[in-house]
């Protein structure tokens, strides 16, 4: 049972890492496209990235 839980936790972390990388790329593209770090779209993507980074950090503590 512990091994299954460990695999599940590792899969969750991998999924979060992949999602973080995807959002990071979106953020970079949006910042370049909008030529601004304070554009509303860039800020929204940045906030989404922050949310997923926090989730990842909390998963690592388990």
PDB file of N, CA and C in Angstrom:
ATOM      1  N   UNK A   1       0.828  -1.201   0.000  1.00  0.00           N
ATOM      2  CA  UNK A   1       0.000   0.000   0.000  1.00  0.00           C
ATOM      3  C   UNK A   1       0.866   1.256   0.000  1.00  0.00           C
ATOM      4  N   UNK A   2       1.934   1.253   0.786  1.00  0.00           N
ATOM      5  CA  UNK A   2       2.815   2.422   0.858  1.00  0.00           C
ATOM      6  C   UNK A   2       3.483   2.690  -0.478  1.00  0.00           C
ATOM      7  N   UNK A   3       3.821   1.616  -1.203  1.00  0.00           N
ATOM      8  CA  UNK A   3       4.458   1.786  -2.515  1.00  0.00           C
ATOM      9  C   UNK A   3       3.476   2.414  -3.491  1.00  0.00           C
ATOM     10  N   UNK A   4       2.223   1.969  -3.465  1.00  0.00           N
ATOM     11  CA  UNK A   4       1.204   2.537  -4.352  1.00  0.00           C
ATOM     12  C   UNK A   4       1.004   4.017  -4.047  1.00  0.00           C
ATOM     13  N   UNK A   5       0.978   4.370  -2.771  1.00  0.00           N
ATOM     14  CA  UNK A   5       0.823   5.775  -2.377  1.00  0.00           C
ATOM     15  C   UNK A   5       2.017   6.593  -2.848  1.00  0.00           C
ATOM     16  N   UNK A   6       3.204   6.024  -2.703  1.00  0.00           N
ATOM     17  CA  UNK A   6       4.420   6.708  -3.138  1.00  0.00           C
ATOM     18  C   UNK A   6       4.395   6.958  -4.636  1.00  0.00           C
ATOM     19  N   UNK A   7       3.978   5.949  -5.416  1.00  0.00           N
ATOM     20  CA  UNK A   7       3.883   6.111  -6.865  1.00  0.00           C
ATOM     21  C   UNK A   7       2.859   7.172  -7.224  1.00  0.00           C
ATOM     22  N   UNK A   8       1.744   7.176  -6.505  1.00  0.00           N
ATOM     23  CA  UNK A   8       0.705   8.176  -6.740  1.00  0.00           C
ATOM     24  C   UNK A   8       1.237   9.580  -6.447  1.00  0.00           C
ATOM     25  N   UNK A   9       1.970   9.720  -5.351  1.00  0.00           N
ATOM     26  CA  UNK A   9       2.563  11.014  -4.999  1.00  0.00           C
ATOM     27  C   UNK A   9       3.566  11.454  -6.059  1.00  0.00           C
ATOM     28  N   UNK A  10       4.370  10.519  -6.529  1.00  0.00           N
ATOM     29  CA  UNK A  10       5.365  10.842  -7.559  1.00  0.00           C
ATOM     30  C   UNK A  10       4.683  11.240  -8.863  1.00  0.00           C
ATOM     31  N   UNK A  11       3.600  10.558  -9.210  1.00  0.00           N
ATOM     32  CA  UNK A  11       2.858  10.905 -10.423  1.00  0.00           C
ATOM     33  C   UNK A  11       2.255  12.298 -10.297  1.00  0.00           C
ATOM     34  N   UNK A  12       1.744  12.608  -9.111  1.00  0.00           N
ATOM     35  CA  UNK A  12       1.155  13.923  -8.875  1.00  0.00           C
ATOM     36  C   UNK A  12       2.222  15.013  -9.015  1.00  0.00           C
ATOM     37  N   UNK A  13       3.402  14.758  -8.446  1.00  0.00           N
ATOM     38  CA  UNK A  13       4.503  15.721  -8.555  1.00  0.00           C
ATOM     39  C   UNK A  13       4.926  15.900 -10.006  1.00  0.00           C
ATOM     40  N   UNK A  14       5.014  14.794 -10.749  1.00  0.00           N
ATOM     41  CA  UNK A  14       5.402  14.865 -12.161  1.00  0.00           C
ATOM     42  C   UNK A  14       4.377  15.668 -12.947  1.00  0.00           C
ATOM     43  N   UNK A  15       3.098  15.414 -12.679  1.00  0.00           N
ATOM     44  CA  UNK A  15       2.038  16.159 -13.360  1.00  0.00           C
ATOM     45  C   UNK A  15       2.150  17.653 -13.048  1.00  0.00           C
ATOM     46  N   UNK A  16       2.382  17.980 -11.783  1.00  0.00           N
ATOM     47  CA  UNK A  16       2.523  19.383 -11.394  1.00  0.00           C
ATOM     48  C   UNK A  16       3.745  20.021 -12.050  1.00  0.00           C
ATOM     49  N   UNK A  17       4.862  19.293 -12.106  1.00  0.00           N
ATOM     50  CA  UNK A  17       6.064  19.820 -12.770  1.00  0.00           C
ATOM     51  C   UNK A  17       5.784  20.115 -14.235  1.00  0.00           C
ATOM     52  N   UNK A  18       5.093  19.186 -14.897  1.00  0.00           N
ATOM     53  CA  UNK A  18       4.763  19.383 -16.311  1.00  0.00           C
ATOM     54  C   UNK A  18       3.852  20.595 -16.496  1.00  0.00           C
ATOM     55  N   UNK A  19       2.864  20.722 -15.620  1.00  0.00           N
ATOM     56  CA  UNK A  19       1.929  21.855 -15.686  1.00  0.00           C
ATOM     57  C   UNK A  19       2.670  23.168 -15.438  1.00  0.00           C
ATOM     58  N   UNK A  20       3.565  23.181 -14.465  1.00  0.00           N
ATOM     59  CA  UNK A  20       4.355  24.378 -14.160  1.00  0.00           C
ATOM     60  C   UNK A  20       5.183  24.783 -15.370  1.00  0.00           C
ATOM     61  N   UNK A  21       5.807  23.821 -16.015  1.00  0.00           N
ATOM     62  CA  UNK A  21       6.622  24.121 -17.198  1.00  0.00           C
ATOM     63  C   UNK A  21       5.761  24.677 -18.328  1.00  0.00           C
ATOM     64  N   UNK A  22       4.583  24.106 -18.515  1.00  0.00           N
ATOM     65  CA  UNK A  22       3.663  24.581 -19.548  1.00  0.00           C
ATOM     66  C   UNK A  22       3.240  26.032 -19.271  1.00  0.00           C
ATOM     67  N   UNK A  23       2.880  26.325 -18.045  1.00  0.00           N
ATOM     68  CA  UNK A  23       2.443  27.677 -17.685  1.00  0.00           C
ATOM     69  C   UNK A  23       3.612  28.655 -17.769  1.00  0.00           C
ATOM     70  N   UNK A  24       4.798  28.211 -17.377  1.00  0.00           N
ATOM     71  CA  UNK A  24       5.983  29.070 -17.463  1.00  0.00           C
ATOM     72  C   UNK A  24       6.227  29.496 -18.912  1.00  0.00           C
ATOM     73  N   UNK A  25       6.067  28.567 -19.839  1.00  0.00           N
ATOM     74  CA  UNK A  25       6.233  28.891 -21.260  1.00  0.00           C
ATOM     75  C   UNK A  25       5.157  29.869 -21.724  1.00  0.00           C
ATOM     76  N   UNK A  26       3.924  29.654 -21.269  1.00  0.00           N
ATOM     77  CA  UNK A  26       2.836  30.577 -21.610  1.00  0.00           C
ATOM     78  C   UNK A  26       3.139  31.978 -21.091  1.00  0.00           C
ATOM     79  N   UNK A  27       3.664  32.046 -19.877  1.00  0.00           N
ATOM     80  CA  UNK A  27       3.996  33.331 -19.268  1.00  0.00           C
ATOM     81  C   UNK A  27       5.060  34.054 -20.083  1.00  0.00           C
ATOM     82  N   UNK A  28       6.089  33.342 -20.451  1.00  0.00           N
ATOM     83  CA  UNK A  28       7.162  33.932 -21.252  1.00  0.00           C
ATOM     84  C   UNK A  28       6.627  34.433 -22.594  1.00  0.00           C
ATOM     85  N   UNK A  29       5.827  33.614 -23.260  1.00  0.00           N
ATOM     86  CA  UNK A  29       5.259  34.003 -24.548  1.00  0.00           C
ATOM     87  C   UNK A  29       4.364  35.233 -24.411  1.00  0.00           C
ATOM     88  N   UNK A  30       3.529  35.256 -23.374  1.00  0.00           N
ATOM     89  CA  UNK A  30       2.626  36.387 -23.163  1.00  0.00           C
ATOM     90  C   UNK A  30       3.405  37.664 -22.867  1.00  0.00           C
ATOM     91  N   UNK A  31       4.446  37.567 -22.062  1.00  0.00           N
ATOM     92  CA  UNK A  31       5.252  38.747 -21.724  1.00  0.00           C
ATOM     93  C   UNK A  31       5.948  39.298 -22.965  1.00  0.00           C
ATOM     94  N   UNK A  32       6.440  38.411 -23.813  1.00  0.00           N
ATOM     95  CA  UNK A  32       7.094  38.860 -25.049  1.00  0.00           C
ATOM     96  C   UNK A  32       6.066  39.471 -25.996  1.00  0.00           C
ATOM     97  N   UNK A  33       4.936  38.791 -26.151  1.00  0.00           N
ATOM     98  CA  UNK A  33       3.881  39.265 -27.055  1.00  0.00           C
ATOM     99  C   UNK A  33       3.336  40.623 -26.615  1.00  0.00           C
ATOM    100  N   UNK A  34       3.093  40.774 -25.332  1.00  0.00           N
ATOM    101  CA  UNK A  34       2.499  42.014 -24.802  1.00  0.00           C
ATOM    102  C   UNK A  34       3.547  43.089 -24.518  1.00  0.00           C
ATOM    103  N   UNK A  35       4.820  42.689 -24.552  1.00  0.00           N
ATOM    104  CA  UNK A  35       5.933  43.609 -24.269  1.00  0.00           C
ATOM    105  C   UNK A  35       5.748  44.325 -22.927  1.00  0.00           C
ATOM    106  N   UNK A  36       5.221  43.560 -21.965  1.00  0.00           N
ATOM    107  CA  UNK A  36       4.955  44.141 -20.655  1.00  0.00           C
ATOM    108  C   UNK A  36       4.817  43.034 -19.612  1.00  0.00           C
ATOM    109  N   UNK A  37       5.380  43.293 -18.451  1.00  0.00           N
ATOM    110  CA  UNK A  37       5.207  42.365 -17.338  1.00  0.00           C
ATOM    111  C   UNK A  37       4.002  42.744 -16.478  1.00  0.00           C
ATOM    112  N   UNK A  38       3.421  43.911 -16.760  1.00  0.00           N
ATOM    113  CA  UNK A  38       2.288  44.379 -15.971  1.00  0.00           C
ATOM    114  C   UNK A  38       0.969  44.291 -16.733  1.00  0.00           C
ATOM    115  N   UNK A  39       1.003  43.718 -17.923  1.00  0.00           N
ATOM    116  CA  UNK A  39      -0.218  43.503 -18.694  1.00  0.00           C
ATOM    117  C   UNK A  39      -1.133  42.551 -17.924  1.00  0.00           C
ATOM    118  N   UNK A  40      -2.437  42.780 -18.006  1.00  0.00           N
ATOM    119  CA  UNK A  40      -3.396  41.978 -17.241  1.00  0.00           C
ATOM    120  C   UNK A  40      -3.272  40.481 -17.551  1.00  0.00           C
ATOM    121  N   UNK A  41      -3.126  40.128 -18.824  1.00  0.00           N
ATOM    122  CA  UNK A  41      -2.997  38.716 -19.199  1.00  0.00           C
ATOM    123  C   UNK A  41      -1.732  38.102 -18.588  1.00  0.00           C
ATOM    124  N   UNK A  42      -0.638  38.837 -18.619  1.00  0.00           N
ATOM    125  CA  UNK A  42       0.632  38.356 -18.063  1.00  0.00           C
ATOM    126  C   UNK A  42       0.491  38.144 -16.554  1.00  0.00           C
ATOM    127  N   UNK A  43      -0.158  39.065 -15.900  1.00  0.00           N
ATOM    128  CA  UNK A  43      -0.358  38.951 -14.450  1.00  0.00           C
ATOM    129  C   UNK A  43      -1.225  37.744 -14.111  1.00  0.00           C
ATOM    130  N   UNK A  44      -2.283  37.520 -14.881  1.00  0.00           N
ATOM    131  CA  UNK A  44      -3.153  36.369 -14.628  1.00  0.00           C
ATOM    132  C   UNK A  44      -2.401  35.051 -14.795  1.00  0.00           C
ATOM    133  N   UNK A  45      -1.582  34.961 -15.830  1.00  0.00           N
ATOM    134  CA  UNK A  45      -0.790  33.747 -16.041  1.00  0.00           C
ATOM    135  C   UNK A  45       0.225  33.586 -14.914  1.00  0.00           C
ATOM    136  N   UNK A  46       0.821  34.691 -14.492  1.00  0.00           N
ATOM    137  CA  UNK A  46       1.785  34.652 -13.394  1.00  0.00           C
ATOM    138  C   UNK A  46       1.124  34.161 -12.105  1.00  0.00           C
ATOM    139  N   UNK A  47      -0.082  34.605 -11.856  1.00  0.00           N
ATOM    140  CA  UNK A  47      -0.806  34.168 -10.662  1.00  0.00           C
ATOM    141  C   UNK A  47      -1.140  32.679 -10.733  1.00  0.00           C
ATOM    142  N   UNK A  48      -1.497  32.212 -11.934  1.00  0.00           N
ATOM    143  CA  UNK A  48      -1.761  30.782 -12.109  1.00  0.00           C
ATOM    144  C   UNK A  48      -0.485  29.975 -11.843  1.00  0.00           C
ATOM    145  N   UNK A  49       0.633  30.482 -12.337  1.00  0.00           N
ATOM    146  CA  UNK A  49       1.913  29.819 -12.098  1.00  0.00           C
ATOM    147  C   UNK A  49       2.222  29.784 -10.603  1.00  0.00           C
ATOM    148  N   UNK A  50       2.017  30.895  -9.923  1.00  0.00           N
ATOM    149  CA  UNK A  50       2.233  30.948  -8.468  1.00  0.00           C
ATOM    150  C   UNK A  50       1.404  29.882  -7.751  1.00  0.00           C
ATOM    151  N   UNK A  51       0.161  29.748  -8.158  1.00  0.00           N
ATOM    152  CA  UNK A  51      -0.746  28.769  -7.550  1.00  0.00           C
ATOM    153  C   UNK A  51      -0.190  27.350  -7.692  1.00  0.00           C
ATOM    154  N   UNK A  52       0.259  27.017  -8.893  1.00  0.00           N
ATOM    155  CA  UNK A  52       0.777  25.675  -9.130  1.00  0.00           C
ATOM    156  C   UNK A  52       2.130  25.454  -8.438  1.00  0.00           C
ATOM    157  N   UNK A  53       2.939  26.488  -8.353  1.00  0.00           N
ATOM    158  CA  UNK A  53       4.207  26.366  -7.624  1.00  0.00           C
ATOM    159  C   UNK A  53       3.953  26.095  -6.141  1.00  0.00           C
ATOM    160  N   UNK A  54       2.969  26.767  -5.588  1.00  0.00           N
ATOM    161  CA  UNK A  54       2.611  26.535  -4.187  1.00  0.00           C
ATOM    162  C   UNK A  54       2.117  25.103  -3.984  1.00  0.00           C
ATOM    163  N   UNK A  55       1.263  24.631  -4.887  1.00  0.00           N
ATOM    164  CA  UNK A  55       0.785  23.249  -4.798  1.00  0.00           C
ATOM    165  C   UNK A  55       1.956  22.273  -4.842  1.00  0.00           C
ATOM    166  N   UNK A  56       2.926  22.544  -5.705  1.00  0.00           N
ATOM    167  CA  UNK A  56       4.087  21.668  -5.824  1.00  0.00           C
ATOM    168  C   UNK A  56       4.895  21.670  -4.530  1.00  0.00           C
ATOM    169  N   UNK A  57       5.113  22.837  -3.968  1.00  0.00           N
ATOM    170  CA  UNK A  57       5.868  22.929  -2.713  1.00  0.00           C
ATOM    171  C   UNK A  57       5.163  22.169  -1.590  1.00  0.00           C
ATOM    172  N   UNK A  58       3.857  22.272  -1.540  1.00  0.00           N
ATOM    173  CA  UNK A  58       3.103  21.548  -0.513  1.00  0.00           C
ATOM    174  C   UNK A  58       3.194  20.040  -0.730  1.00  0.00           C
ATOM    175  N   UNK A  59       3.182  19.598  -1.967  1.00  0.00           N
ATOM    176  CA  UNK A  59       3.332  18.169  -2.280  1.00  0.00           C
ATOM    177  C   UNK A  59       4.707  17.659  -1.850  1.00  0.00           C
ATOM    178  N   UNK A  60       5.731  18.473  -2.047  1.00  0.00           N
ATOM    179  CA  UNK A  60       7.090  18.063  -1.683  1.00  0.00           C
ATOM    180  C   UNK A  60       7.230  17.850  -0.182  1.00  0.00           C
ATOM    181  N   UNK A  61       6.445  18.553   0.606  1.00  0.00           N
ATOM    182  CA  UNK A  61       6.534  18.440   2.067  1.00  0.00           C
ATOM    183  C   UNK A  61       5.943  17.146   2.593  1.00  0.00           C
ATOM    184  N   UNK A  62       5.121  16.494   1.788  1.00  0.00           N
ATOM    185  CA  UNK A  62       4.460  15.255   2.241  1.00  0.00           C
ATOM    186  C   UNK A  62       5.452  14.134   2.402  1.00  0.00           C
TER     187      UNK A  62
END
